[in-house]
Amino acid sequence: MNFLEKYENLARIARLIRQEATGNPKDFAKRCNLNSKDVLFDQIDILRQLAAKESAEILYDRYRETYYFSPPGKFSDFEFIKDIGNQNFTNYVSKTLTLSEAVLQTAQKCREQY
């Protein structure tokens, strides 16, 4: 499996976990075209490490037979983002504005120098 296939597989696994539509590990491995549950577990461990950076977990509910994120969230370019309402949007906008302001300030300094 090449890098792109691994990346797409991790994205598929993350999406199914977010949707809480994985099924049991054996079925989940088949849905993701993986040879065995062990390969699936390796992929989930990668996602667990990434989620742990944001104090999130990937858990398995035996009753519903599905993996899920706790707290709910998603991966964006393999950075876990917690679902906390509009706060994500607010943080994004404030970071974007801060970056835009920095770019404008730099542009003004350049104009002043020349």
N, C-alpha and C. Protein backbone atom coordinates (compact mmCIF):
# COMPACT_ATOMS: atom_id res chain seq x y z
N MET A 1 0.85 -1.17 0.00
CA MET A 1 0.00 0.00 0.00
C MET A 1 0.90 1.24 0.00
N ASN A 2 0.71 2.13 -0.97
CA ASN A 2 1.53 3.33 -1.05
C ASN A 2 1.00 4.40 -0.09
N PHE A 3 1.72 5.52 -0.01
CA PHE A 3 1.38 6.57 0.94
C PHE A 3 -0.03 7.11 0.71
N LEU A 4 -0.39 7.38 -0.53
CA LEU A 4 -1.70 7.93 -0.84
C LEU A 4 -2.81 6.98 -0.40
N GLU A 5 -2.63 5.70 -0.65
CA GLU A 5 -3.63 4.71 -0.23
C GLU A 5 -3.75 4.67 1.29
N LYS A 6 -2.61 4.75 1.98
CA LYS A 6 -2.65 4.77 3.45
C LYS A 6 -3.38 6.01 3.96
N TYR A 7 -3.08 7.16 3.35
CA TYR A 7 -3.72 8.41 3.74
C TYR A 7 -5.23 8.33 3.53
N GLU A 8 -5.64 7.85 2.36
CA GLU A 8 -7.07 7.72 2.06
C GLU A 8 -7.74 6.74 3.01
N ASN A 9 -7.04 5.67 3.35
CA ASN A 9 -7.59 4.69 4.28
C ASN A 9 -7.77 5.29 5.67
N LEU A 10 -6.78 6.04 6.14
CA LEU A 10 -6.91 6.70 7.44
C LEU A 10 -8.08 7.69 7.42
N ALA A 11 -8.23 8.42 6.33
CA ALA A 11 -9.33 9.38 6.21
C ALA A 11 -10.67 8.64 6.23
N ARG A 12 -10.77 7.51 5.55
CA ARG A 12 -12.00 6.72 5.54
C ARG A 12 -12.31 6.20 6.95
N ILE A 13 -11.29 5.70 7.63
CA ILE A 13 -11.47 5.18 8.99
C ILE A 13 -11.95 6.31 9.91
N ALA A 14 -11.31 7.46 9.83
CA ALA A 14 -11.70 8.60 10.66
C ALA A 14 -13.13 9.04 10.37
N ARG A 15 -13.51 9.05 9.09
CA ARG A 15 -14.88 9.46 8.72
C ARG A 15 -15.91 8.49 9.28
N LEU A 16 -15.65 7.19 9.16
CA LEU A 16 -16.59 6.19 9.67
C LEU A 16 -16.69 6.24 11.20
N ILE A 17 -15.57 6.52 11.86
CA ILE A 17 -15.62 6.66 13.31
C ILE A 17 -16.45 7.89 13.68
N ARG A 18 -16.24 8.99 12.98
CA ARG A 18 -17.03 10.20 13.25
C ARG A 18 -18.52 9.94 13.05
N GLN A 19 -18.86 9.17 12.03
CA GLN A 19 -20.27 8.86 11.75
C GLN A 19 -20.81 7.78 12.68
N GLU A 20 -19.92 7.19 13.49
CA GLU A 20 -20.28 6.08 14.37
C GLU A 20 -20.96 4.97 13.57
N ALA A 21 -20.32 4.63 12.45
CA ALA A 21 -20.87 3.65 11.52
C ALA A 21 -19.82 2.61 11.15
N THR A 22 -19.05 2.15 12.14
CA THR A 22 -17.94 1.26 11.83
C THR A 22 -18.33 -0.21 11.83
N GLY A 23 -19.28 -0.59 12.67
CA GLY A 23 -19.56 -2.01 12.85
C GLY A 23 -18.49 -2.62 13.73
N ASN A 24 -18.52 -3.93 13.86
CA ASN A 24 -17.52 -4.61 14.69
C ASN A 24 -16.16 -4.57 13.98
N PRO A 25 -15.07 -4.83 14.71
CA PRO A 25 -13.74 -4.72 14.09
C PRO A 25 -13.54 -5.57 12.84
N LYS A 26 -14.08 -6.77 12.83
CA LYS A 26 -13.91 -7.63 11.66
C LYS A 26 -14.58 -7.01 10.42
N ASP A 27 -15.82 -6.58 10.58
CA ASP A 27 -16.53 -5.94 9.47
C ASP A 27 -15.90 -4.62 9.08
N PHE A 28 -15.44 -3.88 10.09
CA PHE A 28 -14.80 -2.59 9.84
C PHE A 28 -13.54 -2.77 8.99
N ALA A 29 -12.74 -3.78 9.31
CA ALA A 29 -11.53 -4.07 8.53
C ALA A 29 -11.89 -4.39 7.08
N LYS A 30 -12.94 -5.18 6.88
CA LYS A 30 -13.37 -5.51 5.51
C LYS A 30 -13.82 -4.27 4.76
N ARG A 31 -14.60 -3.40 5.43
CA ARG A 31 -15.10 -2.18 4.79
C ARG A 31 -13.95 -1.28 4.34
N CYS A 32 -12.84 -1.36 5.06
CA CYS A 32 -11.69 -0.51 4.75
C CYS A 32 -10.65 -1.23 3.89
N ASN A 33 -11.03 -2.39 3.36
CA ASN A 33 -10.14 -3.18 2.49
C ASN A 33 -8.81 -3.52 3.16
N LEU A 34 -8.87 -3.84 4.46
CA LEU A 34 -7.67 -4.21 5.19
C LEU A 34 -7.63 -5.72 5.37
N ASN A 35 -6.42 -6.26 5.37
CA ASN A 35 -6.24 -7.72 5.42
C ASN A 35 -6.71 -8.34 6.72
N SER A 36 -6.56 -7.61 7.82
CA SER A 36 -6.91 -8.20 9.11
C SER A 36 -7.29 -7.12 10.12
N LYS A 37 -7.84 -7.57 11.23
CA LYS A 37 -8.16 -6.64 12.31
C LYS A 37 -6.89 -5.99 12.86
N ASP A 38 -5.79 -6.75 12.84
CA ASP A 38 -4.53 -6.20 13.37
C ASP A 38 -4.10 -4.96 12.58
N VAL A 39 -4.25 -5.00 11.27
CA VAL A 39 -3.90 -3.84 10.44
C VAL A 39 -4.84 -2.68 10.79
N LEU A 40 -6.12 -2.99 10.98
CA LEU A 40 -7.09 -1.96 11.38
C LEU A 40 -6.69 -1.35 12.71
N PHE A 41 -6.33 -2.18 13.67
CA PHE A 41 -5.95 -1.69 14.99
C PHE A 41 -4.73 -0.77 14.90
N ASP A 42 -3.79 -1.09 14.01
CA ASP A 42 -2.62 -0.24 13.81
C ASP A 42 -3.05 1.14 13.29
N GLN A 43 -4.00 1.15 12.35
CA GLN A 43 -4.49 2.41 11.78
C GLN A 43 -5.23 3.22 12.85
N ILE A 44 -6.05 2.54 13.65
CA ILE A 44 -6.78 3.23 14.71
C ILE A 44 -5.81 3.79 15.74
N ASP A 45 -4.74 3.07 16.04
CA ASP A 45 -3.73 3.57 16.98
C ASP A 45 -3.09 4.87 16.49
N ILE A 46 -2.86 4.96 15.19
CA ILE A 46 -2.32 6.21 14.63
C ILE A 46 -3.30 7.36 14.89
N LEU A 47 -4.58 7.10 14.61
CA LEU A 47 -5.59 8.14 14.84
C LEU A 47 -5.72 8.45 16.33
N ARG A 48 -5.60 7.45 17.18
CA ARG A 48 -5.67 7.67 18.63
C ARG A 48 -4.55 8.61 19.09
N GLN A 49 -3.36 8.41 18.56
CA GLN A 49 -2.23 9.27 18.93
C GLN A 49 -2.49 10.71 18.51
N LEU A 50 -3.04 10.89 17.32
CA LEU A 50 -3.34 12.24 16.84
C LEU A 50 -4.45 12.88 17.67
N ALA A 51 -5.48 12.10 18.00
CA ALA A 51 -6.60 12.62 18.80
C ALA A 51 -6.14 12.95 20.22
N ALA A 52 -5.22 12.15 20.75
CA ALA A 52 -4.75 12.37 22.12
C ALA A 52 -4.08 13.72 22.29
N LYS A 53 -3.53 14.26 21.21
CA LYS A 53 -2.91 15.59 21.29
C LYS A 53 -3.93 16.64 21.68
N GLU A 54 -5.20 16.38 21.39
CA GLU A 54 -6.28 17.31 21.72
C GLU A 54 -7.16 16.76 22.85
N SER A 55 -6.60 15.86 23.64
CA SER A 55 -7.30 15.25 24.78
C SER A 55 -8.59 14.55 24.35
N ALA A 56 -8.55 13.90 23.23
CA ALA A 56 -9.69 13.14 22.74
C ALA A 56 -9.32 11.66 22.68
N GLU A 57 -10.33 10.82 22.63
CA GLU A 57 -10.11 9.39 22.58
C GLU A 57 -10.95 8.77 21.47
N ILE A 58 -10.52 7.60 21.04
CA ILE A 58 -11.34 6.78 20.16
C ILE A 58 -11.71 5.56 21.00
N LEU A 59 -13.00 5.40 21.21
CA LEU A 59 -13.50 4.32 22.06
C LEU A 59 -14.37 3.38 21.23
N TYR A 60 -14.63 2.20 21.79
CA TYR A 60 -15.49 1.23 21.11
C TYR A 60 -16.67 0.92 22.01
N ASP A 61 -17.87 0.99 21.46
CA ASP A 61 -19.10 0.66 22.18
C ASP A 61 -19.55 -0.73 21.75
N ARG A 62 -19.41 -1.69 22.64
CA ARG A 62 -19.75 -3.08 22.30
C ARG A 62 -21.24 -3.26 22.05
N TYR A 63 -22.06 -2.51 22.73
CA TYR A 63 -23.52 -2.63 22.55
C TYR A 63 -23.93 -2.16 21.15
N ARG A 64 -23.43 -1.00 20.74
CA ARG A 64 -23.77 -0.46 19.41
C ARG A 64 -22.86 -0.98 18.32
N GLU A 65 -21.79 -1.67 18.72
CA GLU A 65 -20.78 -2.20 17.78
C GLU A 65 -20.26 -1.11 16.85
N THR A 66 -19.69 -0.09 17.47
CA THR A 66 -19.10 0.98 16.68
C THR A 66 -18.03 1.71 17.48
N TYR A 67 -17.04 2.22 16.77
CA TYR A 67 -16.06 3.12 17.37
C TYR A 67 -16.65 4.52 17.33
N TYR A 68 -16.17 5.38 18.24
CA TYR A 68 -16.63 6.76 18.28
C TYR A 68 -15.57 7.64 18.93
N PHE A 69 -15.65 8.95 18.67
CA PHE A 69 -14.75 9.91 19.28
C PHE A 69 -15.36 10.42 20.58
N SER A 70 -14.53 10.56 21.60
CA SER A 70 -14.97 11.15 22.85
C SER A 70 -13.94 12.19 23.27
N PRO A 71 -14.29 13.47 23.32
CA PRO A 71 -15.56 14.05 22.95
C PRO A 71 -15.74 14.01 21.43
N PRO A 72 -16.99 14.23 20.96
CA PRO A 72 -17.21 14.22 19.52
C PRO A 72 -16.31 15.23 18.82
N GLY A 73 -15.86 14.87 17.64
CA GLY A 73 -14.99 15.75 16.88
C GLY A 73 -14.69 15.15 15.53
N LYS A 74 -13.70 15.70 14.87
CA LYS A 74 -13.34 15.22 13.54
C LYS A 74 -11.87 15.50 13.28
N PHE A 75 -11.36 14.92 12.23
CA PHE A 75 -10.01 15.20 11.78
C PHE A 75 -10.08 16.12 10.58
N SER A 76 -9.19 17.09 10.56
CA SER A 76 -9.05 17.97 9.42
C SER A 76 -7.57 17.99 9.08
N ASP A 77 -7.22 17.40 7.96
CA ASP A 77 -5.81 17.25 7.60
C ASP A 77 -5.04 16.59 8.74
N PHE A 78 -5.69 15.63 9.36
CA PHE A 78 -5.14 14.83 10.45
C PHE A 78 -4.75 15.64 11.67
N GLU A 79 -5.54 16.69 11.90
CA GLU A 79 -5.51 17.40 13.17
C GLU A 79 -6.90 17.22 13.75
N PHE A 80 -6.99 16.71 14.97
CA PHE A 80 -8.30 16.48 15.57
C PHE A 80 -8.87 17.79 16.05
N ILE A 81 -10.14 18.04 15.72
CA ILE A 81 -10.82 19.26 16.13
C ILE A 81 -12.07 18.85 16.90
N LYS A 82 -12.15 19.28 18.15
CA LYS A 82 -13.31 18.95 18.98
C LYS A 82 -14.53 19.70 18.46
N ASP A 83 -15.69 19.04 18.50
CA ASP A 83 -16.95 19.70 18.18
C ASP A 83 -17.40 20.47 19.41
N ILE A 84 -17.28 21.78 19.35
CA ILE A 84 -17.72 22.60 20.48
C ILE A 84 -18.52 23.78 19.95
N GLY A 85 -19.46 23.49 19.11
CA GLY A 85 -20.34 24.52 18.59
C GLY A 85 -19.61 25.51 17.71
N ASN A 86 -19.95 26.77 17.88
CA ASN A 86 -19.39 27.82 17.03
C ASN A 86 -18.01 28.28 17.47
N GLN A 87 -17.51 27.73 18.59
CA GLN A 87 -16.20 28.17 19.07
C GLN A 87 -15.11 27.87 18.06
N ASN A 88 -15.20 26.72 17.35
CA ASN A 88 -14.19 26.41 16.33
C ASN A 88 -14.18 27.49 15.27
N PHE A 89 -15.37 27.91 14.84
CA PHE A 89 -15.46 28.94 13.80
C PHE A 89 -14.90 30.25 14.33
N THR A 90 -15.24 30.58 15.57
CA THR A 90 -14.75 31.82 16.18
C THR A 90 -13.23 31.80 16.27
N ASN A 91 -12.66 30.68 16.73
CA ASN A 91 -11.20 30.58 16.81
C ASN A 91 -10.57 30.71 15.44
N TYR A 92 -11.19 30.06 14.43
CA TYR A 92 -10.66 30.13 13.07
C TYR A 92 -10.68 31.56 12.56
N VAL A 93 -11.80 32.24 12.77
CA VAL A 93 -11.92 33.62 12.29
C VAL A 93 -10.92 34.51 13.00
N SER A 94 -10.78 34.35 14.33
CA SER A 94 -9.85 35.22 15.05
C SER A 94 -8.42 34.95 14.62
N LYS A 95 -8.07 33.69 14.37
CA LYS A 95 -6.72 33.37 13.89
C LYS A 95 -6.51 33.95 12.50
N THR A 96 -7.54 33.84 11.65
CA THR A 96 -7.44 34.37 10.30
C THR A 96 -7.29 35.88 10.33
N LEU A 97 -8.08 36.55 11.18
CA LEU A 97 -7.97 38.00 11.28
C LEU A 97 -6.61 38.41 11.80
N THR A 98 -6.12 37.68 12.79
CA THR A 98 -4.79 37.99 13.34
C THR A 98 -3.73 37.84 12.26
N LEU A 99 -3.83 36.78 11.47
CA LEU A 99 -2.88 36.56 10.39
C LEU A 99 -3.01 37.66 9.35
N SER A 100 -4.25 38.02 9.00
CA SER A 100 -4.46 39.09 8.01
C SER A 100 -3.91 40.42 8.51
N GLU A 101 -4.12 40.69 9.79
CA GLU A 101 -3.59 41.93 10.36
C GLU A 101 -2.06 41.94 10.30
N ALA A 102 -1.44 40.82 10.60
CA ALA A 102 0.02 40.72 10.55
C ALA A 102 0.52 40.95 9.13
N VAL A 103 -0.17 40.40 8.16
CA VAL A 103 0.23 40.58 6.75
C VAL A 103 0.09 42.05 6.37
N LEU A 104 -1.00 42.68 6.77
CA LEU A 104 -1.19 44.11 6.47
C LEU A 104 -0.13 44.98 7.13
N GLN A 105 0.19 44.68 8.38
CA GLN A 105 1.23 45.44 9.07
C GLN A 105 2.58 45.29 8.38
N THR A 106 2.89 44.09 7.95
CA THR A 106 4.14 43.85 7.24
C THR A 106 4.16 44.62 5.93
N ALA A 107 3.04 44.59 5.22
CA ALA A 107 2.95 45.31 3.95
C ALA A 107 3.13 46.82 4.17
N GLN A 108 2.53 47.36 5.23
CA GLN A 108 2.67 48.79 5.53
C GLN A 108 4.12 49.15 5.85
N LYS A 109 4.79 48.30 6.61
CA LYS A 109 6.20 48.54 6.95
C LYS A 109 7.06 48.55 5.70
N CYS A 110 6.76 47.62 4.79
CA CYS A 110 7.51 47.56 3.53
C CYS A 110 7.29 48.84 2.73
N ARG A 111 6.06 49.33 2.66
CA ARG A 111 5.77 50.56 1.93
C ARG A 111 6.50 51.74 2.55
N GLU A 112 6.51 51.80 3.88
CA GLU A 112 7.17 52.90 4.59
C GLU A 112 8.67 52.91 4.32
N GLN A 113 9.26 51.72 4.20
CA GLN A 113 10.70 51.65 3.97
C GLN A 113 11.07 52.05 2.55
N TYR A 114 10.17 51.86 1.61
CA TYR A 114 10.49 52.16 0.22
C TYR A 114 9.72 53.34 -0.21
